[in-house]
Protein backbone atom coordinates (compact mmCIF):
# COMPACT_ATOMS: atom_id res chain seq x y z
CA MET A 1 32.29 58.50 -13.81
CA SER A 2 31.07 55.02 -12.84
CA LYS A 3 32.15 52.16 -15.14
CA SER A 4 30.04 49.59 -13.31
CA ALA A 5 26.75 48.54 -14.86
CA GLY A 6 25.25 47.01 -11.74
CA PHE A 7 22.29 44.92 -12.83
CA MET A 8 21.82 46.84 -16.08
CA ARG A 9 22.89 45.23 -19.35
CA ALA A 10 22.39 47.90 -22.04
CA LEU A 11 20.06 50.51 -23.46
CA LYS A 12 17.73 48.85 -25.96
CA CYS A 13 15.55 50.30 -28.71
CA ARG A 14 11.89 49.55 -28.14
CA GLU A 15 11.33 49.37 -31.91
CA CYS A 16 14.19 47.42 -33.47
CA GLY A 17 15.92 45.93 -30.43
CA ARG A 18 19.35 47.40 -31.18
CA GLU A 19 21.46 47.87 -28.07
CA TYR A 20 23.54 50.86 -26.96
CA PRO A 21 25.99 51.60 -24.14
CA LEU A 22 24.59 52.76 -20.81
CA GLU A 23 25.19 56.44 -21.49
CA ALA A 24 23.13 59.65 -21.66
CA THR A 25 21.21 58.96 -24.86
CA HIS A 26 17.55 58.30 -25.49
CA VAL A 27 16.85 57.69 -29.20
CA CYS A 28 17.90 54.89 -31.57
CA GLU A 29 20.04 56.29 -34.37
CA PHE A 30 18.59 53.79 -36.88
CA ASP A 31 14.81 54.21 -36.49
CA PHE A 32 14.54 56.98 -33.84
CA GLY A 33 12.73 54.61 -31.49
CA PRO A 34 12.91 55.36 -27.74
CA LEU A 35 15.53 53.53 -25.71
CA GLU A 36 14.85 51.62 -22.51
CA VAL A 37 17.07 49.95 -19.94
CA ALA A 38 17.61 46.20 -20.34
CA TYR A 39 18.59 44.18 -17.24
CA ASN A 40 20.35 40.96 -16.33
CA TYR A 41 17.36 39.21 -14.71
CA ASP A 42 19.30 36.03 -13.90
CA LYS A 43 21.70 38.13 -11.84
CA ILE A 44 18.78 39.96 -10.18
CA LYS A 45 17.19 36.65 -9.14
CA LYS A 46 20.33 35.75 -7.20
CA SER A 47 20.54 39.11 -5.43
CA MET A 48 16.93 39.98 -4.64
CA THR A 49 14.48 37.59 -3.03
CA LYS A 50 11.31 38.26 -1.06
CA ALA A 51 13.21 37.40 2.12
CA VAL A 52 15.90 39.96 1.28
CA LEU A 53 13.26 42.50 0.37
CA ALA A 54 11.51 42.15 3.74
CA LYS A 55 14.65 43.41 5.53
CA ARG A 56 15.04 46.58 3.47
CA ALA A 57 13.88 50.09 4.25
CA PRO A 58 10.37 51.04 3.05
CA THR A 59 11.37 53.21 0.06
CA MET A 60 11.22 52.63 -3.67
CA TRP A 61 14.91 51.70 -3.51
CA ARG A 62 14.10 48.40 -1.80
CA PHE A 63 13.68 47.28 -5.45
CA ARG A 64 17.03 48.82 -6.46
CA GLU A 65 18.18 45.85 -8.58
CA LEU A 66 15.27 46.64 -10.91
CA LEU A 67 16.12 50.33 -11.11
CA PRO A 68 18.83 51.81 -13.38
CA VAL A 69 21.69 52.65 -11.05
CA ALA A 70 25.06 50.94 -11.12
CA ASN A 71 25.77 51.45 -7.42
CA GLU A 72 23.82 52.44 -4.32
CA PRO A 73 21.41 55.35 -5.04
CA THR A 74 22.71 58.77 -4.05
CA VAL A 75 19.68 61.00 -4.69
CA GLY A 76 16.18 60.67 -3.24
CA THR A 77 17.01 57.82 -0.91
CA HIS A 78 13.76 58.39 1.04
CA VAL A 79 11.47 58.46 -2.00
CA GLY A 80 8.56 56.12 -2.54
CA TYR A 81 6.74 53.31 -0.77
CA THR A 82 3.78 55.64 -0.44
CA PRO A 83 0.55 54.38 1.15
CA LEU A 84 -1.84 52.14 -0.74
CA LEU A 85 -5.05 53.19 0.99
CA LYS A 86 -8.09 50.94 1.05
CA ALA A 87 -10.89 53.37 0.24
CA ASP A 88 -13.86 51.53 1.72
CA ARG A 89 -16.16 54.55 1.84
CA LEU A 90 -15.48 55.38 -1.79
CA ALA A 91 -16.00 51.74 -2.75
CA LYS A 92 -19.34 51.54 -0.95
CA TRP A 93 -20.50 54.85 -2.38
CA LEU A 94 -19.56 53.89 -5.94
CA GLY A 95 -20.67 50.28 -5.71
CA VAL A 96 -17.42 48.42 -6.32
CA ARG A 97 -15.97 45.56 -4.26
CA GLU A 98 -12.52 47.04 -3.65
CA ALA A 99 -11.18 50.55 -4.28
CA TRP A 100 -7.62 51.51 -3.42
CA VAL A 101 -5.75 54.79 -3.77
CA LYS A 102 -2.00 54.81 -4.37
CA ASN A 103 -1.28 58.14 -2.74
CA ASP A 104 1.85 59.82 -4.07
CA ALA A 105 0.68 63.14 -2.62
CA VAL A 106 2.85 62.23 0.38
CA ASN A 107 5.98 61.39 -1.61
CA TYR A 108 9.22 62.91 -0.34
CA PRO A 109 10.40 65.62 -0.82
CA THR A 110 7.97 67.53 -3.10
CA LEU A 111 4.72 65.62 -2.63
CA SER A 112 4.24 64.21 -6.11
CA PHE A 113 4.86 61.15 -8.26
CA LYS A 114 7.71 63.01 -9.98
CA ASP A 115 10.02 62.41 -7.01
CA ARG A 116 10.24 58.76 -8.12
CA VAL A 117 11.46 59.37 -11.65
CA VAL A 118 13.68 62.32 -10.70
CA SER A 119 15.53 60.48 -7.94
CA VAL A 120 16.39 57.72 -10.42
CA ALA A 121 17.45 60.14 -13.18
CA LEU A 122 19.63 62.21 -10.86
CA SER A 123 21.25 59.19 -9.21
CA ARG A 124 22.23 57.92 -12.65
CA SER A 125 23.29 61.43 -13.78
CA LYS A 126 25.77 61.59 -10.91
CA GLU A 127 27.15 58.18 -11.87
CA LEU A 128 27.68 59.44 -15.42
CA GLY A 129 29.57 62.47 -14.17
CA PHE A 130 27.04 65.26 -14.73
CA LYS A 131 27.18 68.36 -12.56
CA THR A 132 24.16 70.22 -13.99
CA VAL A 133 20.65 68.82 -14.35
CA ALA A 134 17.63 70.30 -16.08
CA CYS A 135 14.10 69.55 -17.24
CA ALA A 136 11.11 70.72 -19.23
CA SER A 137 8.09 70.81 -16.94
CA THR A 138 4.51 71.87 -16.35
CA GLY A 139 5.16 72.20 -12.61
CA ASN A 140 5.65 69.13 -10.43
CA LEU A 141 8.69 67.88 -12.34
CA ALA A 142 10.36 71.28 -11.98
CA ASN A 143 9.71 71.21 -8.22
CA SER A 144 11.20 67.74 -7.89
CA VAL A 145 14.29 68.43 -9.99
CA ALA A 146 14.93 71.60 -7.98
CA ALA A 147 14.59 69.92 -4.58
CA ASN A 148 16.47 66.73 -5.37
CA ALA A 149 19.28 68.58 -7.15
CA ALA A 150 19.68 70.87 -4.14
CA SER A 151 19.94 67.90 -1.78
CA ALA A 152 22.55 66.30 -4.08
CA GLY A 153 24.64 69.46 -4.45
CA MET A 154 23.97 69.68 -8.19
CA ASP A 155 23.22 72.78 -10.24
CA ALA A 156 19.71 72.80 -11.69
CA ILE A 157 17.84 74.73 -14.39
CA VAL A 158 14.16 74.18 -15.13
CA PHE A 159 12.25 75.31 -18.20
CA ILE A 160 8.51 75.91 -17.90
CA PRO A 161 5.65 77.44 -19.91
CA ALA A 162 5.62 81.13 -19.01
CA ASP A 163 1.90 81.04 -18.04
CA LEU A 164 2.36 78.43 -15.30
CA GLU A 165 0.57 79.11 -12.01
CA GLU A 166 2.52 81.23 -9.52
CA GLY A 167 2.39 78.54 -6.85
CA LYS A 168 4.16 76.03 -9.09
CA ILE A 169 6.90 78.54 -9.88
CA LEU A 170 7.42 79.49 -6.23
CA ASN A 171 7.62 75.82 -5.26
CA SER A 172 10.70 75.54 -7.48
CA LEU A 173 12.31 78.88 -6.64
CA ILE A 174 12.37 78.04 -2.93
CA TYR A 175 15.13 75.51 -3.68
CA GLY A 176 17.38 78.11 -5.32
CA VAL A 177 16.95 76.76 -8.83
CA ARG A 178 17.14 78.86 -12.01
CA VAL A 179 13.66 78.96 -13.59
CA VAL A 180 13.29 79.89 -17.26
CA GLY A 181 9.82 80.76 -18.57
CA ILE A 182 9.18 79.98 -22.26
CA ARG A 183 6.34 81.50 -24.25
CA GLY A 184 4.64 78.39 -25.56
CA HIS A 185 3.04 75.09 -24.51
CA TYR A 186 4.83 72.07 -23.05
CA ASP A 187 5.77 70.50 -26.40
CA GLU A 188 7.48 73.71 -27.48
CA VAL A 189 9.38 73.89 -24.21
CA ASN A 190 10.40 70.24 -24.61
CA ARG A 191 11.67 70.78 -28.15
CA LEU A 192 13.80 73.68 -27.00
CA CYS A 193 15.23 71.56 -24.20
CA ALA A 194 16.18 68.80 -26.66
CA GLU A 195 18.29 71.34 -28.56
CA ILE A 196 19.87 72.73 -25.39
CA ALA A 197 20.74 69.27 -24.07
CA GLY A 198 22.89 68.61 -27.10
CA LYS A 199 24.57 72.03 -27.00
CA TYR A 200 25.51 72.41 -23.35
CA GLY A 201 25.94 68.82 -22.17
CA TRP A 202 23.52 69.04 -19.28
CA ALA A 203 21.61 66.05 -17.94
CA PHE A 204 18.00 66.70 -18.95
CA VAL A 205 15.96 64.22 -16.95
CA ASN A 206 13.21 63.93 -19.59
CA VAL A 207 15.44 64.24 -22.67
CA ASN A 208 18.89 62.60 -22.76
CA MET A 209 18.34 60.89 -19.38
CA ARG A 210 14.83 59.73 -20.26
CA PRO A 211 15.55 55.96 -20.42
CA TYR A 212 16.66 56.06 -16.77
CA TYR A 213 14.04 58.59 -15.69
CA ALA A 214 11.17 56.49 -17.09
CA GLU A 215 12.25 53.43 -15.12
CA GLY A 216 11.38 55.14 -11.85
CA SER A 217 7.67 54.80 -12.58
CA LYS A 218 7.95 51.00 -12.37
CA SER A 219 8.33 51.33 -8.61
CA MET A 220 4.62 52.05 -8.18
CA ALA A 221 3.69 48.63 -9.55
CA TYR A 222 6.32 46.83 -7.45
CA GLU A 223 5.00 48.53 -4.33
CA ILE A 224 1.36 47.78 -5.15
CA ALA A 225 2.12 44.10 -5.75
CA GLU A 226 3.85 43.82 -2.38
CA GLN A 227 1.30 45.95 -0.53
CA MET A 228 -1.54 43.76 -1.86
CA GLY A 229 0.16 40.55 -0.76
CA TRP A 230 1.63 39.71 -4.17
CA ARG A 231 -1.56 39.88 -6.14
CA TRP A 232 -2.77 42.32 -8.76
CA PRO A 233 -5.96 44.39 -8.71
CA ASP A 234 -8.32 43.88 -11.62
CA TRP A 235 -7.88 47.48 -12.82
CA MET A 236 -5.39 50.34 -12.54
CA ILE A 237 -6.65 53.82 -13.46
CA TYR A 238 -3.86 56.27 -14.23
CA PRO A 239 -3.93 59.98 -15.22
CA THR A 240 -1.94 60.22 -18.44
CA GLY A 241 0.17 63.15 -19.60
CA GLY A 242 3.60 62.03 -20.72
CA GLY A 243 2.59 58.41 -20.20
CA THR A 244 5.62 57.09 -18.32
CA GLY A 245 3.43 55.76 -15.49
CA ILE A 246 1.42 53.26 -17.52
CA VAL A 247 4.38 52.22 -19.67
CA GLY A 248 6.61 51.68 -16.65
CA MET A 249 4.05 49.74 -14.64
CA TRP A 250 3.22 47.48 -17.59
CA LYS A 251 6.94 46.66 -17.87
CA ALA A 252 7.06 46.02 -14.12
CA CYS A 253 4.27 43.45 -14.42
CA ALA A 254 6.35 41.47 -16.91
CA GLU A 255 9.48 41.77 -14.78
CA LEU A 256 7.81 40.39 -11.65
CA GLU A 257 6.62 37.42 -13.70
CA GLN A 258 10.13 36.91 -15.08
CA LEU A 259 11.53 36.87 -11.56
CA GLY A 260 8.88 34.33 -10.53
CA TRP A 261 7.39 36.66 -7.92
CA MET A 262 4.03 36.84 -9.68
CA SER A 263 2.56 33.85 -11.51
CA SER A 264 2.18 34.27 -15.26
CA SER A 265 -1.19 32.54 -14.86
CA GLN A 266 -2.40 35.42 -12.69
CA LYS A 267 -4.13 37.98 -14.85
CA ARG A 268 -2.32 41.30 -15.00
CA PRO A 269 -4.27 44.48 -14.18
CA ARG A 270 -6.14 46.14 -17.01
CA MET A 271 -4.77 49.63 -17.57
CA VAL A 272 -7.00 52.70 -17.96
CA SER A 273 -5.56 55.90 -19.42
CA VAL A 274 -7.43 59.01 -18.26
CA GLN A 275 -6.99 62.37 -19.96
CA ALA A 276 -8.66 65.77 -19.85
CA GLU A 277 -11.29 66.71 -22.41
CA GLY A 278 -9.12 69.70 -23.36
CA CYS A 279 -6.04 67.58 -24.09
CA ALA A 280 -6.66 63.95 -25.04
CA PRO A 281 -4.31 62.73 -27.80
CA ILE A 282 -3.99 59.23 -26.33
CA VAL A 283 -7.75 58.78 -25.92
CA LYS A 284 -8.41 59.97 -29.46
CA ALA A 285 -5.84 57.56 -30.88
CA PHE A 286 -7.15 54.69 -28.76
CA LYS A 287 -10.72 55.17 -29.90
CA SER A 288 -9.74 55.49 -33.56
CA GLY A 289 -7.55 52.40 -33.47
CA ALA A 290 -4.43 54.38 -34.36
CA GLN A 291 -0.99 53.15 -33.32
CA ARG A 292 0.29 56.66 -32.64
CA ALA A 293 -1.33 59.84 -31.38
CA GLU A 294 -1.61 63.04 -33.36
CA PRO A 295 -0.40 66.17 -31.51
CA TRP A 296 -3.30 67.93 -29.76
CA THR A 297 -3.91 71.51 -30.79
CA ASN A 298 -5.01 74.19 -28.32
CA ALA A 299 -4.36 72.03 -25.27
CA HIS A 300 -6.10 73.34 -22.15
CA THR A 301 -6.95 71.86 -18.77
CA VAL A 302 -6.63 72.81 -15.09
CA ALA A 303 -4.60 69.62 -14.57
CA ASP A 304 -1.07 70.69 -15.50
CA GLY A 305 0.16 67.11 -15.57
CA LEU A 306 -2.38 66.25 -18.26
CA ARG A 307 -1.59 69.24 -20.46
CA VAL A 308 0.84 67.36 -22.73
CA PRO A 309 -0.15 67.73 -26.41
CA ARG A 310 2.10 64.87 -27.50
CA ALA A 311 3.52 62.13 -25.29
CA VAL A 312 7.02 61.02 -26.34
CA GLY A 313 6.07 57.36 -25.87
CA ASP A 314 2.50 57.63 -27.16
CA PHE A 315 2.65 54.31 -29.01
CA LEU A 316 3.95 52.57 -25.88
CA VAL A 317 1.03 53.89 -23.81
CA LEU A 318 -1.44 52.72 -26.44
CA ARG A 319 0.26 49.33 -26.68
CA ALA A 320 0.18 48.81 -22.90
CA VAL A 321 -3.50 49.78 -22.62
CA ARG A 322 -4.48 47.47 -25.48
CA GLU A 323 -2.33 44.52 -24.40
CA SER A 324 -3.81 44.72 -20.91
CA GLY A 325 -7.39 44.73 -22.19
CA GLY A 326 -7.89 48.20 -20.75
CA THR A 327 -9.41 51.37 -22.11
CA ALA A 328 -8.98 55.15 -22.37
CA LEU A 329 -11.41 57.98 -21.64
CA THR A 330 -11.65 61.70 -20.98
CA VAL A 331 -13.11 63.65 -18.08
CA SER A 332 -14.02 67.31 -17.75
CA ASP A 333 -12.18 69.88 -15.66
CA ALA A 334 -15.32 70.59 -13.67
CA ASP A 335 -15.72 66.91 -12.78
CA MET A 336 -12.05 66.66 -11.79
CA ILE A 337 -12.37 69.57 -9.38
CA HIS A 338 -15.52 68.11 -7.86
CA ALA A 339 -13.78 64.73 -7.46
CA MET A 340 -10.87 66.40 -5.64
CA ARG A 341 -13.35 67.44 -2.97
CA GLU A 342 -14.99 64.00 -2.93
CA MET A 343 -11.66 62.27 -2.30
CA GLY A 344 -10.94 64.69 0.51
CA ALA A 345 -14.36 64.44 2.15
CA SER A 346 -14.74 60.65 1.88
CA GLU A 347 -11.20 59.39 2.53
CA GLY A 348 -9.20 62.33 3.89
CA ILE A 349 -6.96 62.36 0.80
CA SER A 350 -5.52 65.61 -0.54
CA ALA A 351 -5.93 65.03 -4.28
CA ALA A 352 -4.60 66.91 -7.28
CA PRO A 353 -6.96 67.30 -10.25
CA GLU A 354 -5.10 64.42 -11.89
CA GLY A 355 -6.07 62.23 -8.94
CA GLY A 356 -9.62 63.52 -9.17
CA ALA A 357 -9.65 62.48 -12.82
CA THR A 358 -9.13 58.83 -11.86
CA LEU A 359 -12.15 58.92 -9.56
CA CYS A 360 -14.26 60.44 -12.35
CA ALA A 361 -13.09 57.67 -14.67
CA LEU A 362 -13.99 54.93 -12.18
CA ARG A 363 -17.49 56.35 -11.79
CA GLU A 364 -18.01 56.42 -15.55
CA LEU A 365 -16.59 52.94 -16.14
CA LEU A 366 -18.84 51.47 -13.46
CA ALA A 367 -21.86 53.26 -14.94
CA ASN A 368 -21.26 51.95 -18.46
CA GLY A 369 -20.48 48.40 -17.32
CA THR A 370 -16.79 48.33 -18.29
CA ILE A 371 -15.80 47.73 -14.66
CA GLN A 372 -17.98 45.26 -12.76
CA PRO A 373 -19.08 45.76 -9.12
CA ASP A 374 -17.24 42.60 -7.99
CA GLU A 375 -13.85 43.81 -9.24
CA SER A 376 -10.96 45.60 -7.53
CA VAL A 377 -9.54 48.93 -8.68
CA VAL A 378 -6.45 51.02 -7.86
CA LEU A 379 -6.68 54.77 -8.44
CA PHE A 380 -3.50 56.86 -8.64
CA ASN A 381 -3.26 60.22 -6.91
CA THR A 382 -0.05 61.66 -8.32
CA GLY A 383 0.00 64.90 -6.30
CA GLY A 384 -1.82 66.94 -3.69
CA ALA A 385 -4.45 69.68 -3.63
CA LEU A 386 -2.21 72.24 -1.91
CA LYS A 387 -0.59 73.17 -5.22
CA TYR A 388 -4.01 73.91 -6.69
CA LEU A 389 -5.62 76.06 -4.02
CA GLU A 390 -7.12 78.38 -6.64
CA LEU A 391 -9.25 75.47 -7.90
CA VAL A 392 -10.81 74.50 -4.60
């Protein structure tokens, strides 16, 4: 077990600020607030400069000082630094100055955003001495845990809703993982996993390892800042299920300012949370002015990544969207599927329904005047269409 902390300082409660050792724990014992990783930014400034960065390999680990590993990463060393594609045809068609697509459909090894967060969680799990890793998943996370665990020589068990599409299940089984189907929706699977994590001492990437897991999503914002020449777009439109993407990227914005890499006078991107009409707890809470989201009953949508009745960090998603001056909205399944085809036909991008949802949101926000034609927008495609062949 590694005793080094690297550039990490402690785990810190997002509610009360109490600090905890850098172990496998995720909830404050005083107020049950979620824990996050706190860093030694003065130490990071001395180690990582833009000149140093320019010499590093094009993966998410080029920003390793800002990611929660004590030593060199050992899992998913080829993950990240996915293309930021300038979508000129989409921009012209929609009537916006600049449209970009951050395309995680080509992430290694399982072609989804989840490879970012999993590689971080498993690298830290190995440092903490775990031999078995697990997760609760609606599909892509299970695939990523299975593949990355296999490459790291770790045992893996994934828990999924029993009605998950066959393709998603097969994409995990191919890596030799144990797959357990649970009769129930994602929240019920997640609750079961929280109990199991405490009983068996496994590293659950989205339970006891969640503070480390969530940090992986920051890498998207670091990459976008560098790929755009150290400037921010006016808007970022992100498909929201568990919410780690928006929360992580909002934290990354503050970190780059703290390091002096982005000027605090430069306006940060406004964050847009997109959810499905059949499962929209964050959107409902945003529109009502609530600080937390009520669990969504009868959640249903073709976008597995958006079928999360209750995000663990719901209040953090809402806080990030509001602090950024952004907004939240829903889109229909039918529109998502149509947008998958539009992204493919106009830009040659294989888009998951979650990616299609961001295009639908951009169209609506331009139509109602929220986004102006002279602004720049980044859409996030968190996976590819090949896992959803039945839809298209």
